[in-house]
């Protein structure tokens, strides 16, 4: 519909609206009516598609199944016309997370597409999966990193190799570091304290408590240093429990490290 000389699109939500109306009845075919303004039809008369999707949540090993029905409803058809679809990325991916970059093309007689990083083809490995599917009107290609690392950072583009190479910019990926920790065993450190080293982003901090009674652990000392423009290191010395009776008994504590990107909870046996 038209508003202030612009064409606005409405999305079907829980509330009905006069522009999109769909009714669902059990054991029947879902029917719908979509209303376009004359101005919208004139603007998109050679490139107008209706994409109908129905998602069933299974809550099983397969979480959901989506049925899709795509129709070319353009008043006028132009052969070999296609367009790239913008995708919404994960704005703040963390190292170690699963990250998927998608490339979608809609149109007629469109060429195959692929995702590139910094202008280079991405190769499939044990931690990198590349999948694609193609129909008459729709082609999609996905690159999935099972465990994202710094190596996946870069500028991603969607490339169509048809009569001429067409490049559509997707987005730039910059991973946020996840808090790391390690318990150091230093011969110069006495048995009265243990050396805990953490690395993370700005605002890195850590707190620990006894696992059995949540008593807060007071560190003997701590020191902080800057590693890069966005990361820092925090070192703390954890005192040994004064209640230990056996020379080889273990002290069980729980720690939570936080920075501006989130938190990481872990347990220590000292």
Protein backbone atom coordinates (compact mmCIF):
# COMPACT_ATOMS: atom_id res chain seq x y z
CA UNK A 1 0.00 0.00 0.00
CA UNK A 2 1.09 3.62 -0.43
CA UNK A 3 2.14 5.97 2.33
CA UNK A 4 3.85 9.33 1.89
CA UNK A 5 4.78 8.52 -1.70
CA UNK A 6 6.43 5.25 -0.67
CA UNK A 7 5.41 1.66 -1.20
CA UNK A 8 5.11 -0.12 2.14
CA UNK A 9 4.89 -3.89 2.62
CA UNK A 10 2.84 -5.49 5.37
CA UNK A 11 3.79 -8.82 6.97
CA UNK A 12 1.16 -11.28 8.08
CA UNK A 13 1.08 -11.27 11.87
CA UNK A 14 -1.35 -12.49 14.51
CA UNK A 15 -3.62 -9.51 13.93
CA UNK A 16 -5.59 -9.46 10.64
CA UNK A 17 -5.11 -6.54 8.27
CA UNK A 18 -6.92 -5.45 5.09
CA UNK A 19 -3.96 -6.14 2.81
CA UNK A 20 -3.20 -9.77 3.65
CA UNK A 21 -5.88 -12.22 4.71
CA UNK A 22 -5.30 -15.95 5.14
CA UNK A 23 -7.61 -18.48 6.77
CA UNK A 24 -6.62 -21.96 7.93
CA UNK A 25 -9.02 -24.82 8.52
CA UNK A 26 -8.19 -28.36 9.53
CA UNK A 27 -8.30 -30.92 6.68
CA UNK A 28 -8.68 -28.21 4.08
CA UNK A 29 -6.51 -26.20 1.74
CA UNK A 30 -5.33 -22.87 3.14
CA UNK A 31 -6.51 -20.03 0.95
CA UNK A 32 -5.46 -16.41 0.98
CA UNK A 33 -5.97 -13.05 -0.66
CA UNK A 34 -3.22 -10.49 -1.17
CA UNK A 35 -4.06 -6.93 -2.22
CA UNK A 36 -1.58 -4.77 -4.14
CA UNK A 37 -1.91 -1.09 -5.00
CA UNK A 38 -1.72 -0.09 -8.66
CA UNK A 39 1.50 1.77 -7.92
CA UNK A 40 3.11 -1.33 -6.47
CA UNK A 41 2.06 -3.41 -9.45
CA UNK A 42 3.47 -0.81 -11.83
CA UNK A 43 6.78 -0.65 -9.97
CA UNK A 44 7.21 -4.43 -9.77
CA UNK A 45 5.23 -5.52 -12.81
CA UNK A 46 8.09 -7.69 -14.15
CA UNK A 47 9.37 -8.92 -10.80
CA UNK A 48 6.67 -9.92 -8.31
CA UNK A 49 6.63 -13.23 -6.44
CA UNK A 50 4.39 -14.75 -3.80
CA UNK A 51 6.17 -16.96 -1.27
CA UNK A 52 3.93 -19.12 0.92
CA UNK A 53 5.45 -21.08 3.80
CA UNK A 54 4.02 -23.42 6.41
CA UNK A 55 6.26 -24.54 9.29
CA UNK A 56 5.42 -27.50 11.50
CA UNK A 57 7.26 -27.66 14.84
CA UNK A 58 8.06 -31.29 15.66
CA UNK A 59 10.15 -30.86 18.84
CA UNK A 60 12.09 -33.99 17.95
CA UNK A 61 15.46 -34.81 16.43
CA UNK A 62 14.13 -32.90 13.43
CA UNK A 63 12.95 -29.70 15.09
CA UNK A 64 10.69 -28.48 12.32
CA UNK A 65 9.64 -29.00 8.70
CA UNK A 66 8.85 -26.10 6.39
CA UNK A 67 6.72 -26.46 3.27
CA UNK A 68 7.26 -23.76 0.68
CA UNK A 69 5.25 -22.75 -2.37
CA UNK A 70 6.72 -19.98 -4.52
CA UNK A 71 4.73 -18.41 -7.34
CA UNK A 72 5.69 -15.93 -10.05
CA UNK A 73 2.73 -13.52 -10.11
CA UNK A 74 4.37 -10.79 -12.19
CA UNK A 75 1.91 -9.15 -14.60
CA UNK A 76 4.69 -9.13 -17.20
CA UNK A 77 7.54 -11.62 -17.47
CA UNK A 78 11.11 -10.77 -18.42
CA UNK A 79 13.33 -13.76 -19.05
CA UNK A 80 16.59 -14.16 -17.11
CA UNK A 81 15.65 -11.49 -14.58
CA UNK A 82 16.74 -12.28 -11.01
CA UNK A 83 17.69 -10.53 -7.82
CA UNK A 84 19.69 -11.19 -4.66
CA UNK A 85 17.88 -11.35 -1.33
CA UNK A 86 19.34 -9.71 1.75
CA UNK A 87 19.92 -11.94 4.75
CA UNK A 88 19.99 -11.07 8.43
CA UNK A 89 23.24 -12.22 10.05
CA UNK A 90 24.00 -13.01 13.66
CA UNK A 91 25.18 -9.58 14.72
CA UNK A 92 27.47 -10.76 17.54
CA UNK A 93 28.80 -14.26 16.88
CA UNK A 94 31.15 -15.70 19.50
CA UNK A 95 34.16 -17.88 18.92
CA UNK A 96 33.21 -21.55 19.04
CA UNK A 97 29.59 -20.98 18.01
CA UNK A 98 27.90 -22.35 14.91
CA UNK A 99 27.73 -19.65 12.23
CA UNK A 100 25.75 -19.88 8.98
CA UNK A 101 26.04 -17.49 6.03
CA UNK A 102 23.29 -17.75 3.43
CA UNK A 103 23.04 -16.56 -0.16
CA UNK A 104 19.61 -16.45 -1.83
CA UNK A 105 18.60 -15.57 -5.37
CA UNK A 106 15.05 -15.17 -6.68
CA UNK A 107 13.99 -14.89 -10.29
CA UNK A 108 13.79 -16.61 -13.66
CA UNK A 109 16.54 -18.74 -15.18
CA UNK A 110 18.96 -17.54 -12.52
CA UNK A 111 22.52 -18.89 -12.45
CA UNK A 112 23.97 -20.97 -9.61
CA UNK A 113 25.26 -18.96 -6.66
CA UNK A 114 27.87 -19.41 -3.95
CA UNK A 115 29.21 -17.64 -0.89
CA UNK A 116 32.73 -16.18 -0.99
CA UNK A 117 34.93 -14.72 1.75
CA UNK A 118 37.19 -11.80 0.83
CA UNK A 119 36.67 -12.65 -2.84
CA UNK A 120 37.87 -16.23 -2.42
CA UNK A 121 36.00 -19.52 -2.79
CA UNK A 122 35.28 -21.31 0.50
CA UNK A 123 36.29 -24.98 0.68
CA UNK A 124 34.36 -27.66 2.53
CA UNK A 125 36.22 -29.32 5.43
CA UNK A 126 35.37 -31.32 8.50
CA UNK A 127 34.13 -28.18 10.31
CA UNK A 128 32.76 -26.36 7.25
CA UNK A 129 29.60 -27.53 5.49
CA UNK A 130 28.41 -26.12 2.17
CA UNK A 131 24.89 -26.92 0.97
CA UNK A 132 22.77 -25.60 -1.84
CA UNK A 133 19.39 -26.16 -3.42
CA UNK A 134 17.88 -24.92 -6.65
CA UNK A 135 14.40 -24.69 -8.07
CA UNK A 136 12.88 -22.95 -11.06
CA UNK A 137 12.46 -19.66 -9.21
CA UNK A 138 14.71 -19.87 -6.15
CA UNK A 139 18.33 -20.80 -5.46
CA UNK A 140 20.02 -20.79 -2.08
CA UNK A 141 23.51 -21.63 -0.88
CA UNK A 142 24.65 -21.96 2.74
CA UNK A 143 28.06 -22.06 4.36
CA UNK A 144 28.00 -23.33 7.94
CA UNK A 145 30.96 -23.18 10.31
CA UNK A 146 30.42 -25.69 13.10
CA UNK A 147 32.97 -24.08 15.41
CA UNK A 148 33.72 -20.53 14.43
CA UNK A 149 37.31 -19.35 14.84
CA UNK A 150 39.21 -16.20 13.92
CA UNK A 151 39.90 -17.66 10.47
CA UNK A 152 36.28 -17.11 9.36
CA UNK A 153 36.44 -13.34 9.80
CA UNK A 154 36.12 -11.29 6.63
CA UNK A 155 33.80 -9.74 4.08
CA UNK A 156 31.23 -12.18 2.68
CA UNK A 157 29.59 -11.84 -0.71
CA UNK A 158 27.04 -13.74 -2.77
CA UNK A 159 28.36 -14.51 -6.24
CA UNK A 160 26.31 -15.51 -9.31
CA UNK A 161 28.26 -16.87 -12.25
CA UNK A 162 25.99 -16.43 -15.25
CA UNK A 163 26.65 -14.65 -18.50
CA UNK A 164 28.63 -12.24 -16.36
CA UNK A 165 29.90 -12.50 -12.79
CA UNK A 166 27.61 -10.61 -10.41
CA UNK A 167 28.63 -9.95 -6.81
CA UNK A 168 26.17 -9.00 -4.06
CA UNK A 169 27.64 -7.85 -0.71
CA UNK A 170 26.31 -9.75 2.32
CA UNK A 171 28.07 -8.59 5.48
CA UNK A 172 31.32 -8.49 7.37
CA UNK A 173 31.90 -11.05 10.13
CA UNK A 174 34.04 -10.13 13.11
CA UNK A 175 33.99 -12.68 15.90
CA UNK A 176 33.79 -11.64 19.50
CA UNK A 177 36.23 -13.51 21.75
CA UNK A 178 34.86 -15.88 24.35
CA UNK A 179 36.31 -15.80 27.85
CA UNK A 180 39.08 -18.40 28.23
CA UNK A 181 40.66 -19.63 31.42
CA UNK A 182 43.44 -21.91 32.58
CA UNK A 183 44.71 -23.00 35.95
CA UNK A 184 48.47 -22.53 35.96
CA UNK A 185 50.81 -24.85 37.81
CA UNK A 186 53.92 -22.84 38.61
CA UNK A 187 56.79 -24.31 40.54
CA UNK A 188 57.42 -20.89 42.06
CA UNK A 189 53.87 -20.67 43.46
CA UNK A 190 53.36 -22.17 46.92
CA UNK A 191 50.66 -24.68 47.78
CA UNK A 192 48.87 -21.94 49.73
CA UNK A 193 47.43 -20.44 46.50
CA UNK A 194 46.64 -21.42 42.92
CA UNK A 195 47.20 -19.23 39.87
CA UNK A 196 44.14 -18.71 37.63
CA UNK A 197 44.64 -16.93 34.27
CA UNK A 198 41.74 -15.61 32.16
CA UNK A 199 41.62 -13.91 28.76
CA UNK A 200 38.62 -12.08 27.36
CA UNK A 201 37.25 -8.80 26.09
CA UNK A 202 37.01 -5.45 27.82
CA UNK A 203 35.61 -5.46 31.34
CA UNK A 204 36.93 -8.95 32.10
CA UNK A 205 36.19 -10.01 35.66
CA UNK A 206 35.84 -13.23 37.65
CA UNK A 207 34.15 -14.30 40.87
CA UNK A 208 34.37 -17.67 42.62
CA UNK A 209 32.50 -19.38 45.46
CA UNK A 210 32.67 -22.68 47.30
CA UNK A 211 30.59 -25.27 45.48
CA UNK A 212 28.96 -26.76 48.59
CA UNK A 213 27.91 -23.62 50.49
CA UNK A 214 28.28 -20.68 48.04
CA UNK A 215 30.79 -18.91 50.30
CA UNK A 216 32.55 -16.23 48.26
CA UNK A 217 36.24 -16.87 47.66
CA UNK A 218 38.50 -13.89 48.38
CA UNK A 219 41.52 -13.87 46.08
CA UNK A 220 44.99 -13.41 47.53
CA UNK A 221 45.84 -10.94 44.77
CA UNK A 222 45.09 -10.11 41.14
CA UNK A 223 46.62 -8.28 38.22
CA UNK A 224 45.36 -7.12 34.82
CA UNK A 225 47.12 -6.42 31.54
CA UNK A 226 46.06 -5.37 28.00
CA UNK A 227 46.70 -7.90 25.21
CA UNK A 228 45.20 -6.21 22.13
CA UNK A 229 42.90 -3.30 21.38
CA UNK A 230 39.90 -5.42 22.40
CA UNK A 231 41.24 -8.14 24.70
CA UNK A 232 42.86 -8.27 28.11
CA UNK A 233 44.24 -10.79 30.58
CA UNK A 234 43.29 -11.15 34.22
CA UNK A 235 45.36 -13.18 36.68
CA UNK A 236 44.18 -14.04 40.18
CA UNK A 237 45.60 -16.17 42.96
CA UNK A 238 43.08 -18.40 44.73
CA UNK A 239 43.91 -19.27 48.35
CA UNK A 240 43.75 -22.87 49.48
CA UNK A 241 41.00 -23.76 51.93
CA UNK A 242 42.01 -23.48 55.58
CA UNK A 243 39.57 -26.29 56.35
CA UNK A 244 41.48 -28.94 54.46
CA UNK A 245 42.43 -31.74 56.81
CA UNK A 246 43.94 -34.24 54.38
CA UNK A 247 47.09 -33.27 52.47
CA UNK A 248 45.67 -34.58 49.14
CA UNK A 249 42.03 -33.53 49.55
CA UNK A 250 40.38 -31.51 46.72
CA UNK A 251 38.72 -28.11 47.14
CA UNK A 252 35.73 -27.76 44.82
CA UNK A 253 34.82 -24.21 43.75
CA UNK A 254 32.64 -22.65 41.04
CA UNK A 255 33.74 -19.57 39.08
CA UNK A 256 32.01 -17.21 36.65
CA UNK A 257 34.09 -15.08 34.28
CA UNK A 258 32.36 -12.17 32.54
CA UNK A 259 33.25 -9.58 29.94
CA UNK A 260 31.27 -7.31 27.63
CA UNK A 261 30.40 -10.28 25.37
CA UNK A 262 28.89 -12.56 28.01
CA UNK A 263 29.96 -15.02 30.66
CA UNK A 264 31.63 -18.39 31.10
CA UNK A 265 30.98 -20.57 34.15
CA UNK A 266 33.37 -23.34 35.12
CA UNK A 267 34.37 -25.50 38.10
CA UNK A 268 37.79 -25.99 39.65
CA UNK A 269 39.20 -28.73 41.84
CA UNK A 270 42.18 -27.43 43.80
